[in-house]
Amino acid sequence: MHGLFIKMILAATAACSEQSETAVRSGHQRVEADMTSEKVGSAQPARQLPDSFGRNFTTLDEYLEHLRRYAAPIDKPWYREVRPGVYERVTTRVPRRAAETYTRAQLMARFGFTR
């Protein structure tokens, strides 16, 4: 009787394990399908940006506004538009040095934005 009980437990464990593996495989296949279905140049949000505090942004303007509003007050770098399409990196944490300026295209490439 004891041996039969152990066999039943082993059979149930194997069935659960097989179902779990199938679910995991199915989940991986869905993730892979989602990743491969993304179009190149689509408006996917840029991720893992400096001082983004875990947020994602679809446009450079959204990200720059976030930096101005949330990073600047805590002495993190942000970018101020000094003339149309030209931005200056602003920070108070390092000694004053020559102004670092970037074009809009340079910032888009630097942070991975397409628009």
PDB file of N, CA and C in Angstrom:
ATOM      1  N   MET A   1       0.816  -1.184   0.000  1.00  0.00           N
ATOM      2  CA  MET A   1       0.000   0.000   0.000  1.00  0.00           C
ATOM      3  C   MET A   1       0.869   1.260   0.000  1.00  0.00           C
ATOM      4  N   HIS A   2       1.909   1.234   0.810  1.00  0.00           N
ATOM      5  CA  HIS A   2       2.810   2.379   0.906  1.00  0.00           C
ATOM      6  C   HIS A   2       3.475   2.665  -0.451  1.00  0.00           C
ATOM      7  N   GLY A   3       3.866   1.606  -1.161  1.00  0.00           N
ATOM      8  CA  GLY A   3       4.500   1.754  -2.480  1.00  0.00           C
ATOM      9  C   GLY A   3       3.546   2.345  -3.499  1.00  0.00           C
ATOM     10  N   LEU A   4       2.278   1.981  -3.436  1.00  0.00           N
ATOM     11  CA  LEU A   4       1.272   2.511  -4.356  1.00  0.00           C
ATOM     12  C   LEU A   4       1.088   4.006  -4.131  1.00  0.00           C
ATOM     13  N   PHE A   5       1.059   4.424  -2.879  1.00  0.00           N
ATOM     14  CA  PHE A   5       0.912   5.838  -2.536  1.00  0.00           C
ATOM     15  C   PHE A   5       2.078   6.655  -3.097  1.00  0.00           C
ATOM     16  N   ILE A   6       3.298   6.141  -2.959  1.00  0.00           N
ATOM     17  CA  ILE A   6       4.489   6.843  -3.476  1.00  0.00           C
ATOM     18  C   ILE A   6       4.415   6.944  -4.994  1.00  0.00           C
ATOM     19  N   LYS A   7       3.970   5.868  -5.668  1.00  0.00           N
ATOM     20  CA  LYS A   7       3.848   5.899  -7.130  1.00  0.00           C
ATOM     21  C   LYS A   7       2.828   6.942  -7.561  1.00  0.00           C
ATOM     22  N   MET A   8       1.730   7.067  -6.822  1.00  0.00           N
ATOM     23  CA  MET A   8       0.702   8.061  -7.160  1.00  0.00           C
ATOM     24  C   MET A   8       1.252   9.481  -7.002  1.00  0.00           C
ATOM     25  N   ILE A   9       2.002   9.707  -5.943  1.00  0.00           N
ATOM     26  CA  ILE A   9       2.604  11.025  -5.717  1.00  0.00           C
ATOM     27  C   ILE A   9       3.601  11.352  -6.827  1.00  0.00           C
ATOM     28  N   LEU A  10       4.433  10.393  -7.187  1.00  0.00           N
ATOM     29  CA  LEU A  10       5.411  10.611  -8.254  1.00  0.00           C
ATOM     30  C   LEU A  10       4.723  10.890  -9.588  1.00  0.00           C
ATOM     31  N   ALA A  11       3.648  10.181  -9.886  1.00  0.00           N
ATOM     32  CA  ALA A  11       2.910  10.400 -11.132  1.00  0.00           C
ATOM     33  C   ALA A  11       2.288  11.796 -11.148  1.00  0.00           C
ATOM     34  N   ALA A  12       1.712  12.209 -10.034  1.00  0.00           N
ATOM     35  CA  ALA A  12       1.105  13.546  -9.951  1.00  0.00           C
ATOM     36  C   ALA A  12       2.167  14.628 -10.085  1.00  0.00           C
ATOM     37  N   THR A  13       3.311  14.442  -9.453  1.00  0.00           N
ATOM     38  CA  THR A  13       4.410  15.409  -9.534  1.00  0.00           C
ATOM     39  C   THR A  13       4.908  15.521 -10.965  1.00  0.00           C
ATOM     40  N   ALA A  14       5.055  14.411 -11.640  1.00  0.00           N
ATOM     41  CA  ALA A  14       5.516  14.416 -13.035  1.00  0.00           C
ATOM     42  C   ALA A  14       4.522  15.145 -13.921  1.00  0.00           C
ATOM     43  N   ALA A  15       3.230  14.933 -13.710  1.00  0.00           N
ATOM     44  CA  ALA A  15       2.200  15.590 -14.513  1.00  0.00           C
ATOM     45  C   ALA A  15       2.228  17.102 -14.294  1.00  0.00           C
ATOM     46  N   CYS A  16       2.366  17.519 -13.052  1.00  0.00           N
ATOM     47  CA  CYS A  16       2.441  18.953 -12.741  1.00  0.00           C
ATOM     48  C   CYS A  16       3.683  19.572 -13.354  1.00  0.00           C
ATOM     49  N   SER A  17       4.789  18.865 -13.256  1.00  0.00           N
ATOM     50  CA  SER A  17       6.044  19.357 -13.814  1.00  0.00           C
ATOM     51  C   SER A  17       5.930  19.530 -15.317  1.00  0.00           C
ATOM     52  N   GLU A  18       5.302  18.556 -15.981  1.00  0.00           N
ATOM     53  CA  GLU A  18       5.134  18.633 -17.438  1.00  0.00           C
ATOM     54  C   GLU A  18       4.245  19.814 -17.813  1.00  0.00           C
ATOM     55  N   GLN A  19       3.174  20.054 -17.050  1.00  0.00           N
ATOM     56  CA  GLN A  19       2.290  21.185 -17.316  1.00  0.00           C
ATOM     57  C   GLN A  19       3.029  22.503 -17.111  1.00  0.00           C
ATOM     58  N   SER A  20       3.863  22.577 -16.083  1.00  0.00           N
ATOM     59  CA  SER A  20       4.632  23.796 -15.818  1.00  0.00           C
ATOM     60  C   SER A  20       5.604  24.076 -16.951  1.00  0.00           C
ATOM     61  N   GLU A  21       6.310  23.029 -17.412  1.00  0.00           N
ATOM     62  CA  GLU A  21       7.257  23.203 -18.513  1.00  0.00           C
ATOM     63  C   GLU A  21       6.546  23.662 -19.775  1.00  0.00           C
ATOM     64  N   THR A  22       5.357  23.110 -20.047  1.00  0.00           N
ATOM     65  CA  THR A  22       4.581  23.512 -21.220  1.00  0.00           C
ATOM     66  C   THR A  22       4.175  24.976 -21.100  1.00  0.00           C
ATOM     67  N   ALA A  23       3.756  25.403 -19.931  1.00  0.00           N
ATOM     68  CA  ALA A  23       3.358  26.797 -19.713  1.00  0.00           C
ATOM     69  C   ALA A  23       4.546  27.729 -19.900  1.00  0.00           C
ATOM     70  N   VAL A  24       5.696  27.345 -19.391  1.00  0.00           N
ATOM     71  CA  VAL A  24       6.903  28.168 -19.533  1.00  0.00           C
ATOM     72  C   VAL A  24       7.281  28.285 -21.003  1.00  0.00           C
ATOM     73  N   ARG A  25       7.280  27.145 -21.727  1.00  0.00           N
ATOM     74  CA  ARG A  25       7.608  27.169 -23.152  1.00  0.00           C
ATOM     75  C   ARG A  25       6.642  28.073 -23.903  1.00  0.00           C
ATOM     76  N   SER A  26       5.364  27.975 -23.578  1.00  0.00           N
ATOM     77  CA  SER A  26       4.343  28.788 -24.225  1.00  0.00           C
ATOM     78  C   SER A  26       4.588  30.273 -23.952  1.00  0.00           C
ATOM     79  N   GLY A  27       4.939  30.600 -22.708  1.00  0.00           N
ATOM     80  CA  GLY A  27       5.243  31.992 -22.351  1.00  0.00           C
ATOM     81  C   GLY A  27       6.442  32.517 -23.110  1.00  0.00           C
ATOM     82  N   HIS A  28       7.491  31.697 -23.217  1.00  0.00           N
ATOM     83  CA  HIS A  28       8.679  32.111 -23.959  1.00  0.00           C
ATOM     84  C   HIS A  28       8.348  32.328 -25.426  1.00  0.00           C
ATOM     85  N   GLN A  29       7.516  31.465 -25.991  1.00  0.00           N
ATOM     86  CA  GLN A  29       7.147  31.611 -27.394  1.00  0.00           C
ATOM     87  C   GLN A  29       6.370  32.906 -27.614  1.00  0.00           C
ATOM     88  N   ARG A  30       5.485  33.274 -26.669  1.00  0.00           N
ATOM     89  CA  ARG A  30       4.740  34.531 -26.802  1.00  0.00           C
ATOM     90  C   ARG A  30       5.677  35.723 -26.740  1.00  0.00           C
ATOM     91  N   VAL A  31       6.634  35.707 -25.825  1.00  0.00           N
ATOM     92  CA  VAL A  31       7.587  36.813 -25.708  1.00  0.00           C
ATOM     93  C   VAL A  31       8.418  36.925 -26.974  1.00  0.00           C
ATOM     94  N   GLU A  32       8.912  35.798 -27.477  1.00  0.00           N
ATOM     95  CA  GLU A  32       9.698  35.824 -28.705  1.00  0.00           C
ATOM     96  C   GLU A  32       8.873  36.358 -29.862  1.00  0.00           C
ATOM     97  N   ALA A  33       7.610  35.957 -29.961  1.00  0.00           N
ATOM     98  CA  ALA A  33       6.743  36.438 -31.040  1.00  0.00           C
ATOM     99  C   ALA A  33       6.537  37.940 -30.920  1.00  0.00           C
ATOM    100  N   ASP A  34       6.327  38.428 -29.686  1.00  0.00           N
ATOM    101  CA  ASP A  34       6.163  39.865 -29.489  1.00  0.00           C
ATOM    102  C   ASP A  34       7.413  40.628 -29.891  1.00  0.00           C
ATOM    103  N   MET A  35       8.574  40.091 -29.545  1.00  0.00           N
ATOM    104  CA  MET A  35       9.831  40.768 -29.860  1.00  0.00           C
ATOM    105  C   MET A  35      10.074  40.791 -31.369  1.00  0.00           C
ATOM    106  N   THR A  36       9.766  39.708 -32.068  1.00  0.00           N
ATOM    107  CA  THR A  36      10.030  39.660 -33.494  1.00  0.00           C
ATOM    108  C   THR A  36       8.979  40.402 -34.294  1.00  0.00           C
ATOM    109  N   SER A  37       7.813  40.652 -33.712  1.00  0.00           N
ATOM    110  CA  SER A  37       6.775  41.356 -34.461  1.00  0.00           C
ATOM    111  C   SER A  37       6.960  42.869 -34.417  1.00  0.00           C
ATOM    112  N   GLU A  38       7.865  43.368 -33.575  1.00  0.00           N
ATOM    113  CA  GLU A  38       8.101  44.805 -33.528  1.00  0.00           C
ATOM    114  C   GLU A  38       8.721  45.263 -34.830  1.00  0.00           C
ATOM    115  N   LYS A  39       8.190  46.355 -35.345  1.00  0.00           N
ATOM    116  CA  LYS A  39       8.718  46.893 -36.592  1.00  0.00           C
ATOM    117  C   LYS A  39       9.931  47.758 -36.298  1.00  0.00           C
ATOM    118  N   VAL A  40      10.920  47.710 -37.163  1.00  0.00           N
ATOM    119  CA  VAL A  40      12.093  48.558 -37.013  1.00  0.00           C
ATOM    120  C   VAL A  40      11.638  49.995 -37.216  1.00  0.00           C
ATOM    121  N   GLY A  41      12.075  50.890 -36.338  1.00  0.00           N
ATOM    122  CA  GLY A  41      11.714  52.297 -36.446  1.00  0.00           C
ATOM    123  C   GLY A  41      10.329  52.600 -35.889  1.00  0.00           C
ATOM    124  N   SER A  42       9.693  51.641 -35.250  1.00  0.00           N
ATOM    125  CA  SER A  42       8.378  51.898 -34.675  1.00  0.00           C
ATOM    126  C   SER A  42       8.537  52.827 -33.478  1.00  0.00           C
ATOM    127  N   ALA A  43       7.443  53.341 -33.016  1.00  0.00           N
ATOM    128  CA  ALA A  43       7.467  54.308 -31.920  1.00  0.00           C
ATOM    129  C   ALA A  43       7.489  53.587 -30.575  1.00  0.00           C
ATOM    130  N   GLN A  44       8.398  52.673 -30.385  1.00  0.00           N
ATOM    131  CA  GLN A  44       8.537  51.967 -29.114  1.00  0.00           C
ATOM    132  C   GLN A  44       9.190  52.917 -28.112  1.00  0.00           C
ATOM    133  N   PRO A  45       8.789  52.861 -26.854  1.00  0.00           N
ATOM    134  CA  PRO A  45       9.390  53.741 -25.864  1.00  0.00           C
ATOM    135  C   PRO A  45      10.858  53.403 -25.611  1.00  0.00           C
ATOM    136  N   ALA A  46      11.653  54.434 -25.436  1.00  0.00           N
ATOM    137  CA  ALA A  46      13.063  54.244 -25.090  1.00  0.00           C
ATOM    138  C   ALA A  46      13.118  53.794 -23.637  1.00  0.00           C
ATOM    139  N   ARG A  47      13.969  52.830 -23.347  1.00  0.00           N
ATOM    140  CA  ARG A  47      14.043  52.260 -22.008  1.00  0.00           C
ATOM    141  C   ARG A  47      15.428  52.437 -21.406  1.00  0.00           C
ATOM    142  N   GLN A  48      15.465  52.360 -20.094  1.00  0.00           N
ATOM    143  CA  GLN A  48      16.709  52.422 -19.333  1.00  0.00           C
ATOM    144  C   GLN A  48      17.511  53.687 -19.634  1.00  0.00           C
ATOM    145  N   LEU A  49      16.836  54.806 -19.630  1.00  0.00           N
ATOM    146  CA  LEU A  49      17.489  56.087 -19.861  1.00  0.00           C
ATOM    147  C   LEU A  49      18.051  56.619 -18.553  1.00  0.00           C
ATOM    148  N   PRO A  50      19.149  57.372 -18.626  1.00  0.00           N
ATOM    149  CA  PRO A  50      19.712  57.944 -17.402  1.00  0.00           C
ATOM    150  C   PRO A  50      18.689  58.848 -16.698  1.00  0.00           C
ATOM    151  N   ASP A  51      18.592  58.704 -15.413  1.00  0.00           N
ATOM    152  CA  ASP A  51      17.720  59.522 -14.562  1.00  0.00           C
ATOM    153  C   ASP A  51      16.256  59.489 -14.985  1.00  0.00           C
ATOM    154  N   SER A  52      15.819  58.371 -15.562  1.00  0.00           N
ATOM    155  CA  SER A  52      14.413  58.245 -15.964  1.00  0.00           C
ATOM    156  C   SER A  52      13.554  57.757 -14.807  1.00  0.00           C
ATOM    157  N   PHE A  53      14.193  57.282 -13.725  1.00  0.00           N
ATOM    158  CA  PHE A  53      13.509  56.785 -12.541  1.00  0.00           C
ATOM    159  C   PHE A  53      12.523  55.674 -12.905  1.00  0.00           C
ATOM    160  N   GLY A  54      12.927  54.820 -13.847  1.00  0.00           N
ATOM    161  CA  GLY A  54      12.118  53.672 -14.231  1.00  0.00           C
ATOM    162  C   GLY A  54      11.035  53.946 -15.252  1.00  0.00           C
ATOM    163  N   ARG A  55      10.887  55.175 -15.685  1.00  0.00           N
ATOM    164  CA  ARG A  55       9.853  55.511 -16.676  1.00  0.00           C
ATOM    165  C   ARG A  55      10.382  55.294 -18.084  1.00  0.00           C
ATOM    166  N   ASN A  56       9.453  55.105 -19.027  1.00  0.00           N
ATOM    167  CA  ASN A  56       9.773  54.982 -20.443  1.00  0.00           C
ATOM    168  C   ASN A  56       9.163  56.161 -21.183  1.00  0.00           C
ATOM    169  N   PHE A  57       9.798  56.583 -22.258  1.00  0.00           N
ATOM    170  CA  PHE A  57       9.341  57.750 -23.003  1.00  0.00           C
ATOM    171  C   PHE A  57       9.309  57.428 -24.493  1.00  0.00           C
ATOM    172  N   THR A  58       8.277  57.915 -25.179  1.00  0.00           N
ATOM    173  CA  THR A  58       8.177  57.651 -26.618  1.00  0.00           C
ATOM    174  C   THR A  58       8.863  58.719 -27.445  1.00  0.00           C
ATOM    175  N   THR A  59       9.021  59.905 -26.910  1.00  0.00           N
ATOM    176  CA  THR A  59       9.670  60.970 -27.675  1.00  0.00           C
ATOM    177  C   THR A  59      10.787  61.620 -26.862  1.00  0.00           C
ATOM    178  N   LEU A  60      11.704  62.216 -27.577  1.00  0.00           N
ATOM    179  CA  LEU A  60      12.794  62.948 -26.929  1.00  0.00           C
ATOM    180  C   LEU A  60      12.224  64.098 -26.102  1.00  0.00           C
ATOM    181  N   ASP A  61      11.214  64.785 -26.619  1.00  0.00           N
ATOM    182  CA  ASP A  61      10.634  65.916 -25.885  1.00  0.00           C
ATOM    183  C   ASP A  61      10.067  65.492 -24.532  1.00  0.00           C
ATOM    184  N   GLU A  62       9.403  64.339 -24.480  1.00  0.00           N
ATOM    185  CA  GLU A  62       8.882  63.833 -23.200  1.00  0.00           C
ATOM    186  C   GLU A  62      10.022  63.592 -22.217  1.00  0.00           C
ATOM    187  N   TYR A  63      11.087  62.996 -22.709  1.00  0.00           N
ATOM    188  CA  TYR A  63      12.228  62.685 -21.840  1.00  0.00           C
ATOM    189  C   TYR A  63      12.909  63.961 -21.346  1.00  0.00           C
ATOM    190  N   LEU A  64      13.120  64.920 -22.236  1.00  0.00           N
ATOM    191  CA  LEU A  64      13.773  66.169 -21.832  1.00  0.00           C
ATOM    192  C   LEU A  64      12.921  66.929 -20.818  1.00  0.00           C
ATOM    193  N   GLU A  65      11.605  66.903 -20.992  1.00  0.00           N
ATOM    194  CA  GLU A  65      10.713  67.555 -20.023  1.00  0.00           C
ATOM    195  C   GLU A  65      10.788  66.846 -18.675  1.00  0.00           C
ATOM    196  N   HIS A  66      10.841  65.524 -18.695  1.00  0.00           N
ATOM    197  CA  HIS A  66      10.987  64.756 -17.453  1.00  0.00           C
ATOM    198  C   HIS A  66      12.276  65.163 -16.730  1.00  0.00           C
ATOM    199  N   LEU A  67      13.378  65.252 -17.463  1.00  0.00           N
ATOM    200  CA  LEU A  67      14.647  65.647 -16.834  1.00  0.00           C
ATOM    201  C   LEU A  67      14.555  67.038 -16.234  1.00  0.00           C
ATOM    202  N   ARG A  68      13.935  67.969 -16.955  1.00  0.00           N
ATOM    203  CA  ARG A  68      13.811  69.340 -16.462  1.00  0.00           C
ATOM    204  C   ARG A  68      12.990  69.379 -15.179  1.00  0.00           C
ATOM    205  N   ARG A  69      11.903  68.605 -15.147  1.00  0.00           N
ATOM    206  CA  ARG A  69      11.000  68.657 -13.999  1.00  0.00           C
ATOM    207  C   ARG A  69      11.476  67.849 -12.799  1.00  0.00           C
ATOM    208  N   TYR A  70      12.113  66.694 -13.057  1.00  0.00           N
ATOM    209  CA  TYR A  70      12.412  65.786 -11.945  1.00  0.00           C
ATOM    210  C   TYR A  70      13.898  65.590 -11.658  1.00  0.00           C
ATOM    211  N   ALA A  71      14.735  65.660 -12.665  1.00  0.00           N
ATOM    212  CA  ALA A  71      16.164  65.443 -12.438  1.00  0.00           C
ATOM    213  C   ALA A  71      16.850  66.742 -11.998  1.00  0.00           C
ATOM    214  N   ALA A  72      16.516  67.845 -12.650  1.00  0.00           N
ATOM    215  CA  ALA A  72      17.162  69.128 -12.332  1.00  0.00           C
ATOM    216  C   ALA A  72      17.036  69.511 -10.856  1.00  0.00           C
ATOM    217  N   PRO A  73      15.865  69.381 -10.239  1.00  0.00           N
ATOM    218  CA  PRO A  73      15.744  69.785  -8.827  1.00  0.00           C
ATOM    219  C   PRO A  73      16.616  68.979  -7.862  1.00  0.00           C
ATOM    220  N   ILE A  74      17.072  67.810  -8.277  1.00  0.00           N
ATOM    221  CA  ILE A  74      17.933  67.029  -7.380  1.00  0.00           C
ATOM    222  C   ILE A  74      19.371  66.961  -7.924  1.00  0.00           C
ATOM    223  N   ASP A  75      19.750  68.008  -8.637  1.00  0.00           N
ATOM    224  CA  ASP A  75      21.117  68.181  -9.144  1.00  0.00           C
ATOM    225  C   ASP A  75      21.567  67.098 -10.111  1.00  0.00           C
ATOM    226  N   LYS A  76      20.646  66.585 -10.917  1.00  0.00           N
ATOM    227  CA  LYS A  76      20.984  65.651 -11.981  1.00  0.00           C
ATOM    228  C   LYS A  76      21.055  66.436 -13.290  1.00  0.00           C
ATOM    229  N   PRO A  77      21.840  65.979 -14.245  1.00  0.00           N
ATOM    230  CA  PRO A  77      21.935  66.697 -15.524  1.00  0.00           C
ATOM    231  C   PRO A  77      20.597  66.739 -16.270  1.00  0.00           C
ATOM    232  N   TRP A  78      20.374  67.841 -16.976  1.00  0.00           N
ATOM    233  CA  TRP A  78      19.220  67.996 -17.847  1.00  0.00           C
ATOM    234  C   TRP A  78      19.657  68.829 -19.038  1.00  0.00           C
ATOM    235  N   TYR A  79      18.785  69.008 -20.012  1.00  0.00           N
ATOM    236  CA  TYR A  79      19.152  69.692 -21.254  1.00  0.00           C
ATOM    237  C   TYR A  79      18.205  70.849 -21.504  1.00  0.00           C
ATOM    238  N   ARG A  80      18.813  72.039 -21.694  1.00  0.00           N
ATOM    239  CA  ARG A  80      18.052  73.264 -21.939  1.00  0.00           C
ATOM    240  C   ARG A  80      18.232  73.645 -23.407  1.00  0.00           C
ATOM    241  N   GLU A  81      17.137  73.956 -24.086  1.00  0.00           N
ATOM    242  CA  GLU A  81      17.232  74.387 -25.485  1.00  0.00           C
ATOM    243  C   GLU A  81      17.718  75.828 -25.507  1.00  0.00           C
ATOM    244  N   VAL A  82      18.889  76.050 -26.107  1.00  0.00           N
ATOM    245  CA  VAL A  82      19.486  77.386 -26.140  1.00  0.00           C
ATOM    246  C   VAL A  82      19.166  78.128 -27.427  1.00  0.00           C
ATOM    247  N   ARG A  83      18.870  77.412 -28.475  1.00  0.00           N
ATOM    248  CA  ARG A  83      18.345  77.959 -29.716  1.00  0.00           C
ATOM    249  C   ARG A  83      17.660  76.798 -30.440  1.00  0.00           C
ATOM    250  N   PRO A  84      16.863  77.069 -31.425  1.00  0.00           N
ATOM    251  CA  PRO A  84      16.101  75.985 -32.057  1.00  0.00           C
ATOM    252  C   PRO A  84      16.983  74.805 -32.486  1.00  0.00           C
ATOM    253  N   GLY A  85      16.686  73.637 -31.924  1.00  0.00           N
ATOM    254  CA  GLY A  85      17.399  72.417 -32.285  1.00  0.00           C
ATOM    255  C   GLY A  85      18.755  72.236 -31.643  1.00  0.00           C
ATOM    256  N   VAL A  86      19.155  73.132 -30.719  1.00  0.00           N
ATOM    257  CA  VAL A  86      20.450  73.027 -30.032  1.00  0.00           C
ATOM    258  C   VAL A  86      20.198  73.065 -28.527  1.00  0.00           C
ATOM    259  N   TYR A  87      20.777  72.088 -27.842  1.00  0.00           N
ATOM    260  CA  TYR A  87      20.551  71.927 -26.409  1.00  0.00           C
ATOM    261  C   TYR A  87      21.868  71.979 -25.648  1.00  0.00           C
ATOM    262  N   GLU A  88      21.809  72.557 -24.449  1.00  0.00           N
ATOM    263  CA  GLU A  88      22.971  72.634 -23.577  1.00  0.00           C
ATOM    264  C   GLU A  88      22.731  71.733 -22.374  1.00  0.00           C
ATOM    265  N   ARG A  89      23.728  70.945 -22.037  1.00  0.00           N
ATOM    266  CA  ARG A  89      23.650  70.083 -20.853  1.00  0.00           C
ATOM    267  C   ARG A  89      23.862  70.967 -19.626  1.00  0.00           C
ATOM    268  N   VAL A  90      22.940  70.887 -18.687  1.00  0.00           N
ATOM    269  CA  VAL A  90      22.983  71.731 -17.493  1.00  0.00           C
ATOM    270  C   VAL A  90      23.148  70.826 -16.276  1.00  0.00           C
ATOM    271  N   THR A  91      24.124  71.176 -15.435  1.00  0.00           N
ATOM    272  CA  THR A  91      24.323  70.440 -14.193  1.00  0.00           C
ATOM    273  C   THR A  91      25.006  71.356 -13.191  1.00  0.00           C
ATOM    274  N   THR A  92      24.748  71.130 -11.908  1.00  0.00           N
ATOM    275  CA  THR A  92      25.396  71.923 -10.865  1.00  0.00           C
ATOM    276  C   THR A  92      26.332  71.069 -10.031  1.00  0.00           C
ATOM    277  N   ARG A  93      26.417  69.767 -10.364  1.00  0.00           N
ATOM    278  CA  ARG A  93      27.213  68.849  -9.548  1.00  0.00           C
ATOM    279  C   ARG A  93      28.707  68.907  -9.835  1.00  0.00           C
ATOM    280  N   VAL A  94      29.097  69.328 -11.003  1.00  0.00           N
ATOM    281  CA  VAL A  94      30.521  69.379 -11.350  1.00  0.00           C
ATOM    282  C   VAL A  94      30.949  70.826 -11.476  1.00  0.00           C
ATOM    283  N   PRO A  95      32.231  71.099 -11.283  1.00  0.00           N
ATOM    284  CA  PRO A  95      32.694  72.466 -11.460  1.00  0.00           C
ATOM    285  C   PRO A  95      32.354  72.979 -12.858  1.00  0.00           C
ATOM    286  N   ARG A  96      32.077  74.254 -12.946  1.00  0.00           N
ATOM    287  CA  ARG A  96      31.706  74.861 -14.227  1.00  0.00           C
ATOM    288  C   ARG A  96      32.808  74.630 -15.251  1.00  0.00           C
ATOM    289  N   ARG A  97      32.431  74.143 -16.403  1.00  0.00           N
ATOM    290  CA  ARG A  97      33.372  73.931 -17.493  1.00  0.00           C
ATOM    291  C   ARG A  97      32.714  74.422 -18.769  1.00  0.00           C
ATOM    292  N   ALA A  98      33.407  74.280 -19.859  1.00  0.00           N
ATOM    293  CA  ALA A  98      32.862  74.738 -21.134  1.00  0.00           C
ATOM    294  C   ALA A  98      31.498  74.100 -21.379  1.00  0.00           C
ATOM    295  N   ALA A  99      30.601  74.883 -21.932  1.00  0.00           N
ATOM    296  CA  ALA A  99      29.244  74.390 -22.176  1.00  0.00           C
ATOM    297  C   ALA A  99      29.271  73.203 -23.136  1.00  0.00           C
ATOM    298  N   GLU A 100      28.514  72.175 -22.778  1.00  0.00           N
ATOM    299  CA  GLU A 100      28.362  71.015 -23.649  1.00  0.00           C
ATOM    300  C   GLU A 100      27.063  71.201 -24.414  1.00  0.00           C
ATOM    301  N   THR A 101      27.152  71.342 -25.732  1.00  0.00           N
ATOM    302  CA  THR A 101      25.948  71.512 -26.527  1.00  0.00           C
ATOM    303  C   THR A 101      25.790  70.336 -27.488  1.00  0.00           C
ATOM    304  N   TYR A 102      24.532  70.027 -27.760  1.00  0.00           N
ATOM    305  CA  TYR A 102      24.190  68.910 -28.631  1.00  0.00           C
ATOM    306  C   TYR A 102      23.058  69.332 -29.549  1.00  0.00           C
ATOM    307  N   THR A 103      23.081  68.820 -30.761  1.00  0.00           N
ATOM    308  CA  THR A 103      21.946  69.041 -31.643  1.00  0.00           C
ATOM    309  C   THR A 103      20.842  68.067 -31.265  1.00  0.00           C
ATOM    310  N   ARG A 104      19.651  68.341 -31.752  1.00  0.00           N
ATOM    311  CA  ARG A 104      18.525  67.444 -31.486  1.00  0.00           C
ATOM    312  C   ARG A 104      18.834  66.045 -32.022  1.00  0.00           C
ATOM    313  N   ALA A 105      19.426  65.973 -33.205  1.00  0.00           N
ATOM    314  CA  ALA A 105      19.765  64.675 -33.808  1.00  0.00           C
ATOM    315  C   ALA A 105      20.773  63.914 -32.938  1.00  0.00           C
ATOM    316  N   GLN A 106      21.740  64.618 -32.366  1.00  0.00           N
ATOM    317  CA  GLN A 106      22.723  63.966 -31.498  1.00  0.00           C
ATOM    318  C   GLN A 106      22.059  63.395 -30.240  1.00  0.00           C
ATOM    319  N   LEU A 107      21.149  64.150 -29.639  1.00  0.00           N
ATOM    320  CA  LEU A 107      20.454  63.659 -28.444  1.00  0.00           C
ATOM    321  C   LEU A 107      19.546  62.478 -28.782  1.00  0.00           C
ATOM    322  N   MET A 108      18.888  62.545 -29.923  1.00  0.00           N
ATOM    323  CA  MET A 108      18.019  61.428 -30.316  1.00  0.00           C
ATOM    324  C   MET A 108      18.841  60.154 -30.494  1.00  0.00           C
ATOM    325  N   ALA A 109      19.995  60.270 -31.135  1.00  0.00           N
ATOM    326  CA  ALA A 109      20.855  59.101 -31.334  1.00  0.00           C
ATOM    327  C   ALA A 109      21.420  58.634 -29.992  1.00  0.00           C
ATOM    328  N   ARG A 110      21.828  59.552 -29.162  1.00  0.00           N
ATOM    329  CA  ARG A 110      22.427  59.209 -27.869  1.00  0.00           C
ATOM    330  C   ARG A 110      21.470  58.431 -26.980  1.00  0.00           C
ATOM    331  N   PHE A 111      20.186  58.846 -26.975  1.00  0.00           N
ATOM    332  CA  PHE A 111      19.216  58.223 -26.084  1.00  0.00           C
ATOM    333  C   PHE A 111      18.305  57.215 -26.774  1.00  0.00           C
ATOM    334  N   GLY A 112      18.484  56.993 -28.066  1.00  0.00           N
ATOM    335  CA  GLY A 112      17.751  55.940 -28.770  1.00  0.00           C
ATOM    336  C   GLY A 112      16.340  56.295 -29.196  1.00  0.00           C
ATOM    337  N   PHE A 113      16.074  57.561 -29.496  1.00  0.00           N
ATOM    338  CA  PHE A 113      14.739  57.958 -29.948  1.00  0.00           C
ATOM    339  C   PHE A 113      14.681  58.011 -31.469  1.00  0.00           C
ATOM    340  N   THR A 114      13.490  57.728 -32.001  1.00  0.00           N
ATOM    341  CA  THR A 114      13.290  57.835 -33.452  1.00  0.00           C
ATOM    342  C   THR A 114      12.464  59.062 -33.799  1.00  0.00           C
ATOM    343  N   ARG A 115      11.868  59.675 -32.772  1.00  0.00           N
ATOM    344  CA  ARG A 115      11.114  60.919 -33.017  1.00  0.00           C
ATOM    345  C   ARG A 115      11.166  61.816 -31.817  1.00  0.00           C
TER     346      ARG A 115
END
